[in-house]
PDB file of all heavy atoms in Angstrom:
ATOM      1  N   ARG A   1      -9.773  -4.017  12.089  1.00  0.00           N
ATOM      2  CA  ARG A   1      -8.739  -3.226  12.804  1.00  0.00           C
ATOM      3  C   ARG A   1      -9.309  -1.796  13.017  1.00  0.00           C
ATOM      4  O   ARG A   1     -10.248  -1.391  12.294  1.00  0.00           O
ATOM      5  CB  ARG A   1      -7.419  -3.148  12.065  1.00  0.00           C
ATOM      6  CG  ARG A   1      -7.520  -2.424  10.724  1.00  0.00           C
ATOM      7  CD  ARG A   1      -6.167  -2.330  10.040  1.00  0.00           C
ATOM      8  NE  ARG A   1      -6.319  -1.639   8.733  1.00  0.00           N
ATOM      9  CZ  ARG A   1      -6.236  -0.334   8.543  1.00  0.00           C
ATOM     10  NH1 ARG A   1      -6.045   0.475   9.617  1.00  0.00           N
ATOM     11  NH2 ARG A   1      -6.408   0.173   7.368  1.00  0.00           N
ATOM     12  N   GLU A   2      -8.714  -1.116  13.960  1.00  0.00           N
ATOM     13  CA  GLU A   2      -9.094   0.287  14.105  1.00  0.00           C
ATOM     14  C   GLU A   2      -8.473   1.089  12.930  1.00  0.00           C
ATOM     15  O   GLU A   2      -7.351   0.887  12.594  1.00  0.00           O
ATOM     16  CB  GLU A   2      -8.620   0.869  15.452  1.00  0.00           C
ATOM     17  CG  GLU A   2      -9.106   2.286  15.684  1.00  0.00           C
ATOM     18  CD  GLU A   2      -8.798   2.756  17.115  1.00  0.00           C
ATOM     19  OE1 GLU A   2      -9.673   2.551  17.994  1.00  0.00           O
ATOM     20  OE2 GLU A   2      -7.729   3.356  17.256  1.00  0.00           O
ATOM     21  N   GLN A   3      -9.266   1.952  12.362  1.00  0.00           N
ATOM     22  CA  GLN A   3      -8.813   2.677  11.183  1.00  0.00           C
ATOM     23  C   GLN A   3      -9.500   4.039  11.073  1.00  0.00           C
ATOM     24  O   GLN A   3     -10.471   4.299  11.773  1.00  0.00           O
ATOM     25  CB  GLN A   3      -8.987   1.862   9.916  1.00  0.00           C
ATOM     26  CG  GLN A   3     -10.418   1.316   9.703  1.00  0.00           C
ATOM     27  CD  GLN A   3     -10.497   0.316   8.593  1.00  0.00           C
ATOM     28  OE1 GLN A   3      -9.925   0.505   7.523  1.00  0.00           O
ATOM     29  NE2 GLN A   3     -11.185  -0.758   8.815  1.00  0.00           N
ATOM     30  N   THR A   4      -8.994   4.818  10.147  1.00  0.00           N
ATOM     31  CA  THR A   4      -9.529   6.161   9.879  1.00  0.00           C
ATOM     32  C   THR A   4     -10.735   6.033   8.976  1.00  0.00           C
ATOM     33  O   THR A   4     -10.597   5.568   7.825  1.00  0.00           O
ATOM     34  CB  THR A   4      -8.461   7.047   9.270  1.00  0.00           C
ATOM     35  OG1 THR A   4      -7.341   7.172  10.139  1.00  0.00           O
ATOM     36  CG2 THR A   4      -9.005   8.500   9.046  1.00  0.00           C
ATOM     37  N   LEU A   5     -11.893   6.520   9.474  1.00  0.00           N
ATOM     38  CA  LEU A   5     -13.152   6.282   8.741  1.00  0.00           C
ATOM     39  C   LEU A   5     -13.874   7.593   8.445  1.00  0.00           C
ATOM     40  O   LEU A   5     -13.816   8.526   9.236  1.00  0.00           O
ATOM     41  CB  LEU A   5     -14.081   5.369   9.577  1.00  0.00           C
ATOM     42  CG  LEU A   5     -13.563   3.992   9.932  1.00  0.00           C
ATOM     43  CD1 LEU A   5     -14.522   3.323  10.928  1.00  0.00           C
ATOM     44  CD2 LEU A   5     -13.385   3.145   8.685  1.00  0.00           C
ATOM     45  N   PHE A   6     -14.492   7.655   7.295  1.00  0.00           N
ATOM     46  CA  PHE A   6     -15.414   8.798   6.954  1.00  0.00           C
ATOM     47  C   PHE A   6     -16.825   8.378   7.294  1.00  0.00           C
ATOM     48  O   PHE A   6     -17.289   7.279   7.014  1.00  0.00           O
ATOM     49  CB  PHE A   6     -15.248   9.067   5.440  1.00  0.00           C
ATOM     50  CG  PHE A   6     -16.380   9.846   4.835  1.00  0.00           C
ATOM     51  CD1 PHE A   6     -16.642  11.137   5.314  1.00  0.00           C
ATOM     52  CD2 PHE A   6     -17.178   9.366   3.812  1.00  0.00           C
ATOM     53  CE1 PHE A   6     -17.664  11.922   4.755  1.00  0.00           C
ATOM     54  CE2 PHE A   6     -18.212  10.144   3.249  1.00  0.00           C
ATOM     55  CZ  PHE A   6     -18.431  11.389   3.764  1.00  0.00           C
ATOM     56  N   ARG A   7     -17.559   9.373   7.922  1.00  0.00           N
ATOM     57  CA  ARG A   7     -18.904   9.128   8.330  1.00  0.00           C
ATOM     58  C   ARG A   7     -19.850   9.144   7.140  1.00  0.00           C
ATOM     59  O   ARG A   7     -20.706   9.998   7.032  1.00  0.00           O
ATOM     60  CB  ARG A   7     -19.341  10.160   9.376  1.00  0.00           C
ATOM     61  CG  ARG A   7     -18.556  10.112  10.668  1.00  0.00           C
ATOM     62  CD  ARG A   7     -19.182  11.025  11.720  1.00  0.00           C
ATOM     63  NE  ARG A   7     -18.340  11.211  12.865  1.00  0.00           N
ATOM     64  CZ  ARG A   7     -18.288  10.403  13.912  1.00  0.00           C
ATOM     65  NH1 ARG A   7     -18.982   9.265  13.945  1.00  0.00           N
ATOM     66  NH2 ARG A   7     -17.424  10.656  14.899  1.00  0.00           N
ATOM     67  N   ALA A   8     -19.694   8.179   6.297  1.00  0.00           N
ATOM     68  CA  ALA A   8     -20.516   8.091   5.042  1.00  0.00           C
ATOM     69  C   ALA A   8     -21.996   7.854   5.379  1.00  0.00           C
ATOM     70  O   ALA A   8     -22.900   8.315   4.657  1.00  0.00           O
ATOM     71  CB  ALA A   8     -19.986   7.015   4.110  1.00  0.00           C
ATOM     72  N   THR A   9     -22.268   7.142   6.489  1.00  0.00           N
ATOM     73  CA  THR A   9     -23.643   6.823   6.871  1.00  0.00           C
ATOM     74  C   THR A   9     -24.447   8.097   7.178  1.00  0.00           C
ATOM     75  O   THR A   9     -25.649   8.102   7.080  1.00  0.00           O
ATOM     76  CB  THR A   9     -23.683   5.871   8.040  1.00  0.00           C
ATOM     77  OG1 THR A   9     -22.864   6.396   9.097  1.00  0.00           O
ATOM     78  CG2 THR A   9     -23.203   4.469   7.633  1.00  0.00           C
ATOM     79  N   ALA A  10     -23.744   9.172   7.570  1.00  0.00           N
ATOM     80  CA  ALA A  10     -24.428  10.425   7.857  1.00  0.00           C
ATOM     81  C   ALA A  10     -25.004  11.090   6.609  1.00  0.00           C
ATOM     82  O   ALA A  10     -25.804  11.990   6.704  1.00  0.00           O
ATOM     83  CB  ALA A  10     -23.476  11.382   8.569  1.00  0.00           C
ATOM     84  N   PHE A  11     -24.568  10.547   5.440  1.00  0.00           N
ATOM     85  CA  PHE A  11     -24.976  11.135   4.172  1.00  0.00           C
ATOM     86  C   PHE A  11     -25.652  10.052   3.252  1.00  0.00           C
ATOM     87  O   PHE A  11     -25.638  10.241   2.039  1.00  0.00           O
ATOM     88  CB  PHE A  11     -23.785  11.749   3.474  1.00  0.00           C
ATOM     89  CG  PHE A  11     -23.154  12.872   4.285  1.00  0.00           C
ATOM     90  CD1 PHE A  11     -22.082  12.588   5.156  1.00  0.00           C
ATOM     91  CD2 PHE A  11     -23.654  14.182   4.198  1.00  0.00           C
ATOM     92  CE1 PHE A  11     -21.534  13.628   5.912  1.00  0.00           C
ATOM     93  CE2 PHE A  11     -23.087  15.195   5.015  1.00  0.00           C
ATOM     94  CZ  PHE A  11     -22.010  14.908   5.850  1.00  0.00           C
ATOM     95  N   GLY A  12     -26.163   9.024   3.907  1.00  0.00           N
ATOM     96  CA  GLY A  12     -26.957   8.102   3.122  1.00  0.00           C
ATOM     97  C   GLY A  12     -26.284   6.782   2.733  1.00  0.00           C
ATOM     98  O   GLY A  12     -26.940   5.929   2.104  1.00  0.00           O
ATOM     99  N   ASP A  13     -25.038   6.577   3.037  1.00  0.00           N
ATOM    100  CA  ASP A  13     -24.336   5.350   2.629  1.00  0.00           C
ATOM    101  C   ASP A  13     -24.684   4.241   3.658  1.00  0.00           C
ATOM    102  O   ASP A  13     -25.165   4.523   4.754  1.00  0.00           O
ATOM    103  CB  ASP A  13     -22.824   5.597   2.608  1.00  0.00           C
ATOM    104  CG  ASP A  13     -22.054   4.521   1.843  1.00  0.00           C
ATOM    105  OD1 ASP A  13     -22.756   3.618   1.245  1.00  0.00           O
ATOM    106  OD2 ASP A  13     -20.852   4.583   1.768  1.00  0.00           O
ATOM    107  N   ASP A  14     -24.365   3.026   3.300  1.00  0.00           N
ATOM    108  CA  ASP A  14     -24.723   1.884   4.135  1.00  0.00           C
ATOM    109  C   ASP A  14     -23.753   1.708   5.334  1.00  0.00           C
ATOM    110  O   ASP A  14     -24.141   1.280   6.402  1.00  0.00           O
ATOM    111  CB  ASP A  14     -24.735   0.585   3.293  1.00  0.00           C
ATOM    112  CG  ASP A  14     -25.755   0.650   2.186  1.00  0.00           C
ATOM    113  OD1 ASP A  14     -26.853   1.259   2.390  1.00  0.00           O
ATOM    114  OD2 ASP A  14     -25.484   0.140   1.107  1.00  0.00           O
ATOM    115  N   ILE A  15     -22.501   1.996   5.095  1.00  0.00           N
ATOM    116  CA  ILE A  15     -21.462   1.855   6.150  1.00  0.00           C
ATOM    117  C   ILE A  15     -20.536   3.031   6.039  1.00  0.00           C
ATOM    118  O   ILE A  15     -20.444   3.707   5.029  1.00  0.00           O
ATOM    119  CB  ILE A  15     -20.660   0.543   6.069  1.00  0.00           C
ATOM    120  CG1 ILE A  15     -19.916   0.474   4.727  1.00  0.00           C
ATOM    121  CG2 ILE A  15     -21.584  -0.680   6.299  1.00  0.00           C
ATOM    122  CD1 ILE A  15     -18.943  -0.704   4.671  1.00  0.00           C
ATOM    123  N   ASP A  16     -19.762   3.305   7.097  1.00  0.00           N
ATOM    124  CA  ASP A  16     -18.721   4.295   7.049  1.00  0.00           C
ATOM    125  C   ASP A  16     -17.523   3.706   6.260  1.00  0.00           C
ATOM    126  O   ASP A  16     -17.393   2.438   6.168  1.00  0.00           O
ATOM    127  CB  ASP A  16     -18.277   4.696   8.438  1.00  0.00           C
ATOM    128  CG  ASP A  16     -19.349   5.485   9.185  1.00  0.00           C
ATOM    129  OD1 ASP A  16     -20.243   6.054   8.490  1.00  0.00           O
ATOM    130  OD2 ASP A  16     -19.338   5.554  10.438  1.00  0.00           O
ATOM    131  N   ARG A  17     -16.726   4.569   5.671  1.00  0.00           N
ATOM    132  CA  ARG A  17     -15.743   4.120   4.743  1.00  0.00           C
ATOM    133  C   ARG A  17     -14.318   4.449   5.123  1.00  0.00           C
ATOM    134  O   ARG A  17     -14.002   5.554   5.604  1.00  0.00           O
ATOM    135  CB  ARG A  17     -15.995   4.766   3.369  1.00  0.00           C
ATOM    136  CG  ARG A  17     -17.397   4.463   2.784  1.00  0.00           C
ATOM    137  CD  ARG A  17     -17.536   2.994   2.371  1.00  0.00           C
ATOM    138  NE  ARG A  17     -18.915   2.679   1.875  1.00  0.00           N
ATOM    139  CZ  ARG A  17     -19.274   1.501   1.414  1.00  0.00           C
ATOM    140  NH1 ARG A  17     -18.376   0.513   1.377  1.00  0.00           N
ATOM    141  NH2 ARG A  17     -20.474   1.329   0.995  1.00  0.00           N
ATOM    142  N   PRO A  18     -13.364   3.518   4.961  1.00  0.00           N
ATOM    143  CA  PRO A  18     -11.979   3.739   5.305  1.00  0.00           C
ATOM    144  C   PRO A  18     -11.320   4.749   4.346  1.00  0.00           C
ATOM    145  O   PRO A  18     -11.579   4.776   3.160  1.00  0.00           O
ATOM    146  CB  PRO A  18     -11.292   2.346   5.151  1.00  0.00           C
ATOM    147  CG  PRO A  18     -12.428   1.388   5.074  1.00  0.00           C
ATOM    148  CD  PRO A  18     -13.592   2.124   4.528  1.00  0.00           C
ATOM    149  N   LEU A  19     -10.435   5.553   4.950  1.00  0.00           N
ATOM    150  CA  LEU A  19      -9.648   6.508   4.186  1.00  0.00           C
ATOM    151  C   LEU A  19      -8.196   6.216   4.129  1.00  0.00           C
ATOM    152  O   LEU A  19      -7.471   6.729   3.239  1.00  0.00           O
ATOM    153  CB  LEU A  19      -9.839   7.922   4.836  1.00  0.00           C
ATOM    154  CG  LEU A  19     -11.265   8.448   4.896  1.00  0.00           C
ATOM    155  CD1 LEU A  19     -11.309   9.781   5.612  1.00  0.00           C
ATOM    156  CD2 LEU A  19     -11.866   8.567   3.476  1.00  0.00           C
ATOM    157  N   LEU A  20      -7.720   5.362   5.058  1.00  0.00           N
ATOM    158  CA  LEU A  20      -6.285   4.993   5.022  1.00  0.00           C
ATOM    159  C   LEU A  20      -6.152   3.460   5.055  1.00  0.00           C
ATOM    160  O   LEU A  20      -6.942   2.762   5.759  1.00  0.00           O
ATOM    161  CB  LEU A  20      -5.524   5.532   6.252  1.00  0.00           C
ATOM    162  CG  LEU A  20      -5.452   7.083   6.359  1.00  0.00           C
ATOM    163  CD1 LEU A  20      -4.753   7.458   7.652  1.00  0.00           C
ATOM    164  CD2 LEU A  20      -4.679   7.663   5.173  1.00  0.00           C
ATOM    165  N   LYS A  21      -5.206   2.900   4.290  1.00  0.00           N
ATOM    166  CA  LYS A  21      -4.904   1.487   4.339  1.00  0.00           C
ATOM    167  C   LYS A  21      -4.092   1.147   5.552  1.00  0.00           C
ATOM    168  O   LYS A  21      -3.607   2.039   6.265  1.00  0.00           O
ATOM    169  CB  LYS A  21      -4.187   1.070   3.052  1.00  0.00           C
ATOM    170  CG  LYS A  21      -4.973   1.349   1.795  1.00  0.00           C
ATOM    171  CD  LYS A  21      -4.133   0.977   0.559  1.00  0.00           C
ATOM    172  CE  LYS A  21      -4.848   1.342  -0.702  1.00  0.00           C
ATOM    173  NZ  LYS A  21      -4.048   1.106  -1.973  1.00  0.00           N
ATOM    174  N   SER A  22      -3.889  -0.151   5.788  1.00  0.00           N
ATOM    175  CA  SER A  22      -3.096  -0.562   6.943  1.00  0.00           C
ATOM    176  C   SER A  22      -1.655  -0.058   6.895  1.00  0.00           C
ATOM    177  O   SER A  22      -0.996   0.085   7.937  1.00  0.00           O
ATOM    178  CB  SER A  22      -3.163  -2.073   7.096  1.00  0.00           C
ATOM    179  OG  SER A  22      -2.698  -2.675   5.915  1.00  0.00           O
ATOM    180  N   ASP A  23      -1.105   0.178   5.691  1.00  0.00           N
ATOM    181  CA  ASP A  23       0.223   0.697   5.567  1.00  0.00           C
ATOM    182  C   ASP A  23       0.334   2.193   5.666  1.00  0.00           C
ATOM    183  O   ASP A  23       1.401   2.756   5.435  1.00  0.00           O
ATOM    184  CB  ASP A  23       0.883   0.188   4.254  1.00  0.00           C
ATOM    185  CG  ASP A  23       0.154   0.684   3.016  1.00  0.00           C
ATOM    186  OD1 ASP A  23      -0.824   1.432   3.145  1.00  0.00           O
ATOM    187  OD2 ASP A  23       0.585   0.327   1.863  1.00  0.00           O
ATOM    188  N   GLY A  24      -0.805   2.836   5.903  1.00  0.00           N
ATOM    189  CA  GLY A  24      -0.787   4.303   6.044  1.00  0.00           C
ATOM    190  C   GLY A  24      -1.095   5.056   4.738  1.00  0.00           C
ATOM    191  O   GLY A  24      -1.223   6.292   4.798  1.00  0.00           O
ATOM    192  N   SER A  25      -1.095   4.354   3.619  1.00  0.00           N
ATOM    193  CA  SER A  25      -1.397   5.006   2.331  1.00  0.00           C
ATOM    194  C   SER A  25      -2.866   5.262   2.195  1.00  0.00           C
ATOM    195  O   SER A  25      -3.682   4.637   2.892  1.00  0.00           O
ATOM    196  CB  SER A  25      -0.893   4.197   1.147  1.00  0.00           C
ATOM    197  OG  SER A  25      -1.563   2.959   1.100  1.00  0.00           O
ATOM    198  N   TYR A  26      -3.242   6.175   1.333  1.00  0.00           N
ATOM    199  CA  TYR A  26      -4.625   6.544   1.107  1.00  0.00           C
ATOM    200  C   TYR A  26      -5.367   5.451   0.367  1.00  0.00           C
ATOM    201  O   TYR A  26      -4.838   4.788  -0.525  1.00  0.00           O
ATOM    202  CB  TYR A  26      -4.731   7.830   0.298  1.00  0.00           C
ATOM    203  CG  TYR A  26      -4.089   9.058   0.910  1.00  0.00           C
ATOM    204  CD1 TYR A  26      -3.116   9.754   0.237  1.00  0.00           C
ATOM    205  CD2 TYR A  26      -4.471   9.478   2.221  1.00  0.00           C
ATOM    206  CE1 TYR A  26      -2.518  10.871   0.785  1.00  0.00           C
ATOM    207  CE2 TYR A  26      -3.897  10.597   2.785  1.00  0.00           C
ATOM    208  CZ  TYR A  26      -2.887  11.295   2.095  1.00  0.00           C
ATOM    209  OH  TYR A  26      -2.336  12.380   2.667  1.00  0.00           O
ATOM    210  N   THR A  27      -6.649   5.274   0.727  1.00  0.00           N
ATOM    211  CA  THR A  27      -7.499   4.392  -0.094  1.00  0.00           C
ATOM    212  C   THR A  27      -7.872   5.116  -1.387  1.00  0.00           C
ATOM    213  O   THR A  27      -7.765   6.344  -1.508  1.00  0.00           O
ATOM    214  CB  THR A  27      -8.785   4.038   0.682  1.00  0.00           C
ATOM    215  OG1 THR A  27      -9.494   5.237   0.942  1.00  0.00           O
ATOM    216  CG2 THR A  27      -8.482   3.304   1.995  1.00  0.00           C
ATOM    217  N   TYR A  28      -8.353   4.337  -2.331  1.00  0.00           N
ATOM    218  CA  TYR A  28      -8.843   4.929  -3.576  1.00  0.00           C
ATOM    219  C   TYR A  28      -9.961   5.930  -3.289  1.00  0.00           C
ATOM    220  O   TYR A  28     -10.106   6.985  -3.906  1.00  0.00           O
ATOM    221  CB  TYR A  28      -9.342   3.870  -4.560  1.00  0.00           C
ATOM    222  CG  TYR A  28      -8.223   3.141  -5.238  1.00  0.00           C
ATOM    223  CD1 TYR A  28      -8.069   1.763  -5.023  1.00  0.00           C
ATOM    224  CD2 TYR A  28      -7.352   3.750  -6.108  1.00  0.00           C
ATOM    225  CE1 TYR A  28      -7.082   1.032  -5.649  1.00  0.00           C
ATOM    226  CE2 TYR A  28      -6.333   3.057  -6.775  1.00  0.00           C
ATOM    227  CZ  TYR A  28      -6.203   1.689  -6.493  1.00  0.00           C
ATOM    228  OH  TYR A  28      -5.190   1.034  -7.116  1.00  0.00           O
ATOM    229  N   PHE A  29     -10.777   5.568  -2.300  1.00  0.00           N
ATOM    230  CA  PHE A  29     -11.912   6.389  -1.946  1.00  0.00           C
ATOM    231  C   PHE A  29     -11.505   7.778  -1.443  1.00  0.00           C
ATOM    232  O   PHE A  29     -12.089   8.789  -1.755  1.00  0.00           O
ATOM    233  CB  PHE A  29     -12.793   5.668  -0.933  1.00  0.00           C
ATOM    234  CG  PHE A  29     -14.049   6.430  -0.521  1.00  0.00           C
ATOM    235  CD1 PHE A  29     -14.918   6.935  -1.465  1.00  0.00           C
ATOM    236  CD2 PHE A  29     -14.311   6.675   0.848  1.00  0.00           C
ATOM    237  CE1 PHE A  29     -16.056   7.623  -1.121  1.00  0.00           C
ATOM    238  CE2 PHE A  29     -15.436   7.386   1.233  1.00  0.00           C
ATOM    239  CZ  PHE A  29     -16.307   7.838   0.253  1.00  0.00           C
ATOM    240  N   ALA A  30     -10.422   7.777  -0.598  1.00  0.00           N
ATOM    241  CA  ALA A  30      -9.906   9.057  -0.104  1.00  0.00           C
ATOM    242  C   ALA A  30      -9.508   9.960  -1.254  1.00  0.00           C
ATOM    243  O   ALA A  30      -9.783  11.156  -1.268  1.00  0.00           O
ATOM    244  CB  ALA A  30      -8.747   8.804   0.839  1.00  0.00           C
ATOM    245  N   ALA A  31      -8.834   9.358  -2.299  1.00  0.00           N
ATOM    246  CA  ALA A  31      -8.446  10.175  -3.417  1.00  0.00           C
ATOM    247  C   ALA A  31      -9.632  10.669  -4.200  1.00  0.00           C
ATOM    248  O   ALA A  31      -9.659  11.768  -4.708  1.00  0.00           O
ATOM    249  CB  ALA A  31      -7.484   9.365  -4.323  1.00  0.00           C
ATOM    250  N   ASP A  32     -10.636   9.816  -4.304  1.00  0.00           N
ATOM    251  CA  ASP A  32     -11.844  10.207  -5.046  1.00  0.00           C
ATOM    252  C   ASP A  32     -12.634  11.339  -4.370  1.00  0.00           C
ATOM    253  O   ASP A  32     -13.176  12.184  -5.030  1.00  0.00           O
ATOM    254  CB  ASP A  32     -12.746   8.966  -5.226  1.00  0.00           C
ATOM    255  CG  ASP A  32     -12.246   7.998  -6.273  1.00  0.00           C
ATOM    256  OD1 ASP A  32     -11.389   8.415  -7.092  1.00  0.00           O
ATOM    257  OD2 ASP A  32     -12.656   6.821  -6.248  1.00  0.00           O
ATOM    258  N   ILE A  33     -12.643  11.308  -2.988  1.00  0.00           N
ATOM    259  CA  ILE A  33     -13.263  12.452  -2.312  1.00  0.00           C
ATOM    260  C   ILE A  33     -12.511  13.735  -2.616  1.00  0.00           C
ATOM    261  O   ILE A  33     -13.143  14.770  -2.940  1.00  0.00           O
ATOM    262  CB  ILE A  33     -13.265  12.187  -0.788  1.00  0.00           C
ATOM    263  CG1 ILE A  33     -14.027  10.908  -0.428  1.00  0.00           C
ATOM    264  CG2 ILE A  33     -13.890  13.386  -0.064  1.00  0.00           C
ATOM    265  CD1 ILE A  33     -13.999  10.586   1.073  1.00  0.00           C
ATOM    266  N   ALA A  34     -11.192  13.671  -2.543  1.00  0.00           N
ATOM    267  CA  ALA A  34     -10.341  14.868  -2.816  1.00  0.00           C
ATOM    268  C   ALA A  34     -10.582  15.349  -4.222  1.00  0.00           C
ATOM    269  O   ALA A  34     -10.611  16.558  -4.489  1.00  0.00           O
ATOM    270  CB  ALA A  34      -8.863  14.565  -2.550  1.00  0.00           C
ATOM    271  N   TYR A  35     -10.696  14.379  -5.178  1.00  0.00           N
ATOM    272  CA  TYR A  35     -10.863  14.755  -6.590  1.00  0.00           C
ATOM    273  C   TYR A  35     -12.163  15.490  -6.779  1.00  0.00           C
ATOM    274  O   TYR A  35     -12.231  16.533  -7.453  1.00  0.00           O
ATOM    275  CB  TYR A  35     -10.802  13.461  -7.437  1.00  0.00           C
ATOM    276  CG  TYR A  35     -11.141  13.705  -8.880  1.00  0.00           C
ATOM    277  CD1 TYR A  35     -10.544  14.740  -9.606  1.00  0.00           C
ATOM    278  CD2 TYR A  35     -12.013  12.884  -9.530  1.00  0.00           C
ATOM    279  CE1 TYR A  35     -10.842  14.965 -10.970  1.00  0.00           C
ATOM    280  CE2 TYR A  35     -12.339  13.046 -10.910  1.00  0.00           C
ATOM    281  CZ  TYR A  35     -11.773  14.079 -11.613  1.00  0.00           C
ATOM    282  OH  TYR A  35     -12.063  14.278 -12.917  1.00  0.00           O
ATOM    283  N   HIS A  36     -13.243  15.001  -6.184  1.00  0.00           N
ATOM    284  CA  HIS A  36     -14.561  15.683  -6.374  1.00  0.00           C
ATOM    285  C   HIS A  36     -14.596  17.011  -5.591  1.00  0.00           C
ATOM    286  O   HIS A  36     -15.282  17.948  -6.032  1.00  0.00           O
ATOM    287  CB  HIS A  36     -15.672  14.722  -5.980  1.00  0.00           C
ATOM    288  CG  HIS A  36     -15.934  13.644  -6.987  1.00  0.00           C
ATOM    289  ND1 HIS A  36     -15.112  12.556  -7.099  1.00  0.00           N
ATOM    290  CD2 HIS A  36     -16.890  13.558  -7.994  1.00  0.00           C
ATOM    291  CE1 HIS A  36     -15.580  11.820  -8.103  1.00  0.00           C
ATOM    292  NE2 HIS A  36     -16.628  12.378  -8.663  1.00  0.00           N
ATOM    293  N   ARG A  37     -13.901  17.086  -4.514  1.00  0.00           N
ATOM    294  CA  ARG A  37     -13.764  18.364  -3.816  1.00  0.00           C
ATOM    295  C   ARG A  37     -13.024  19.372  -4.723  1.00  0.00           C
ATOM    296  O   ARG A  37     -13.425  20.564  -4.819  1.00  0.00           O
ATOM    297  CB  ARG A  37     -12.965  18.186  -2.506  1.00  0.00           C
ATOM    298  CG  ARG A  37     -12.605  19.475  -1.779  1.00  0.00           C
ATOM    299  CD  ARG A  37     -11.921  19.159  -0.449  1.00  0.00           C
ATOM    300  NE  ARG A  37     -11.469  20.331   0.245  1.00  0.00           N
ATOM    301  CZ  ARG A  37     -10.198  20.807   0.135  1.00  0.00           C
ATOM    302  NH1 ARG A  37      -9.303  20.200  -0.673  1.00  0.00           N
ATOM    303  NH2 ARG A  37      -9.834  21.872   0.845  1.00  0.00           N
ATOM    304  N   SER A  38     -12.010  18.855  -5.465  1.00  0.00           N
ATOM    305  CA  SER A  38     -11.332  19.722  -6.399  1.00  0.00           C
ATOM    306  C   SER A  38     -12.258  20.262  -7.459  1.00  0.00           C
ATOM    307  O   SER A  38     -12.189  21.421  -7.864  1.00  0.00           O
ATOM    308  CB  SER A  38     -10.179  18.927  -7.028  1.00  0.00           C
ATOM    309  OG  SER A  38      -9.659  19.619  -8.211  1.00  0.00           O
ATOM    310  N   LYS A  39     -13.122  19.397  -7.974  1.00  0.00           N
ATOM    311  CA  LYS A  39     -14.088  19.876  -9.007  1.00  0.00           C
ATOM    312  C   LYS A  39     -14.942  20.987  -8.432  1.00  0.00           C
ATOM    313  O   LYS A  39     -15.201  22.014  -9.122  1.00  0.00           O
ATOM    314  CB  LYS A  39     -14.998  18.673  -9.408  1.00  0.00           C
ATOM    315  CG  LYS A  39     -14.331  17.599 -10.235  1.00  0.00           C
ATOM    316  CD  LYS A  39     -15.352  16.538 -10.635  1.00  0.00           C
ATOM    317  CE  LYS A  39     -14.744  15.337 -11.319  1.00  0.00           C
ATOM    318  NZ  LYS A  39     -15.769  14.356 -11.729  1.00  0.00           N
ATOM    319  N   PHE A  40     -15.399  20.813  -7.205  1.00  0.00           N
ATOM    320  CA  PHE A  40     -16.236  21.857  -6.620  1.00  0.00           C
ATOM    321  C   PHE A  40     -15.513  23.133  -6.443  1.00  0.00           C
ATOM    322  O   PHE A  40     -16.015  24.225  -6.738  1.00  0.00           O
ATOM    323  CB  PHE A  40     -16.806  21.337  -5.296  1.00  0.00           C
ATOM    324  CG  PHE A  40     -17.711  22.308  -4.618  1.00  0.00           C
ATOM    325  CD1 PHE A  40     -18.937  22.603  -5.144  1.00  0.00           C
ATOM    326  CD2 PHE A  40     -17.354  22.883  -3.377  1.00  0.00           C
ATOM    327  CE1 PHE A  40     -19.806  23.537  -4.519  1.00  0.00           C
ATOM    328  CE2 PHE A  40     -18.201  23.768  -2.751  1.00  0.00           C
ATOM    329  CZ  PHE A  40     -19.444  24.082  -3.326  1.00  0.00           C
ATOM    330  N   LEU A  41     -14.263  23.037  -5.973  1.00  0.00           N
ATOM    331  CA  LEU A  41     -13.407  24.245  -5.779  1.00  0.00           C
ATOM    332  C   LEU A  41     -13.067  24.943  -7.075  1.00  0.00           C
ATOM    333  O   LEU A  41     -12.841  26.135  -7.114  1.00  0.00           O
ATOM    334  CB  LEU A  41     -12.137  23.902  -4.984  1.00  0.00           C
ATOM    335  CG  LEU A  41     -12.360  23.429  -3.569  1.00  0.00           C
ATOM    336  CD1 LEU A  41     -11.021  23.005  -2.912  1.00  0.00           C
ATOM    337  CD2 LEU A  41     -13.028  24.481  -2.740  1.00  0.00           C
ATOM    338  N   ARG A  42     -13.117  24.152  -8.176  1.00  0.00           N
ATOM    339  CA  ARG A  42     -12.868  24.762  -9.488  1.00  0.00           C
ATOM    340  C   ARG A  42     -14.105  25.376 -10.115  1.00  0.00           C
ATOM    341  O   ARG A  42     -14.066  25.842 -11.217  1.00  0.00           O
ATOM    342  CB  ARG A  42     -12.305  23.683 -10.446  1.00  0.00           C
ATOM    343  CG  ARG A  42     -10.821  23.344 -10.195  1.00  0.00           C
ATOM    344  CD  ARG A  42     -10.275  22.344 -11.214  1.00  0.00           C
ATOM    345  NE  ARG A  42     -10.604  20.997 -10.858  1.00  0.00           N
ATOM    346  CZ  ARG A  42     -10.985  20.043 -11.801  1.00  0.00           C
ATOM    347  NH1 ARG A  42     -11.110  20.371 -13.039  1.00  0.00           N
ATOM    348  NH2 ARG A  42     -11.200  18.809 -11.373  1.00  0.00           N
ATOM    349  N   GLY A  43     -15.194  25.342  -9.356  1.00  0.00           N
ATOM    350  CA  GLY A  43     -16.415  26.056  -9.774  1.00  0.00           C
ATOM    351  C   GLY A  43     -17.468  25.257 -10.435  1.00  0.00           C
ATOM    352  O   GLY A  43     -18.286  25.792 -11.185  1.00  0.00           O
TER     353      GLY A  43
END
């Protein structure tokens, strides 16, 4: 299906990765990206 994707291949991944499930909720990966962004913002 058409979905919201992160351009992971631009940074060395094999495929681009979904950020939203079919019901509109976040994928685990979307939360993990935000979590690691939080680490970076915390210094």
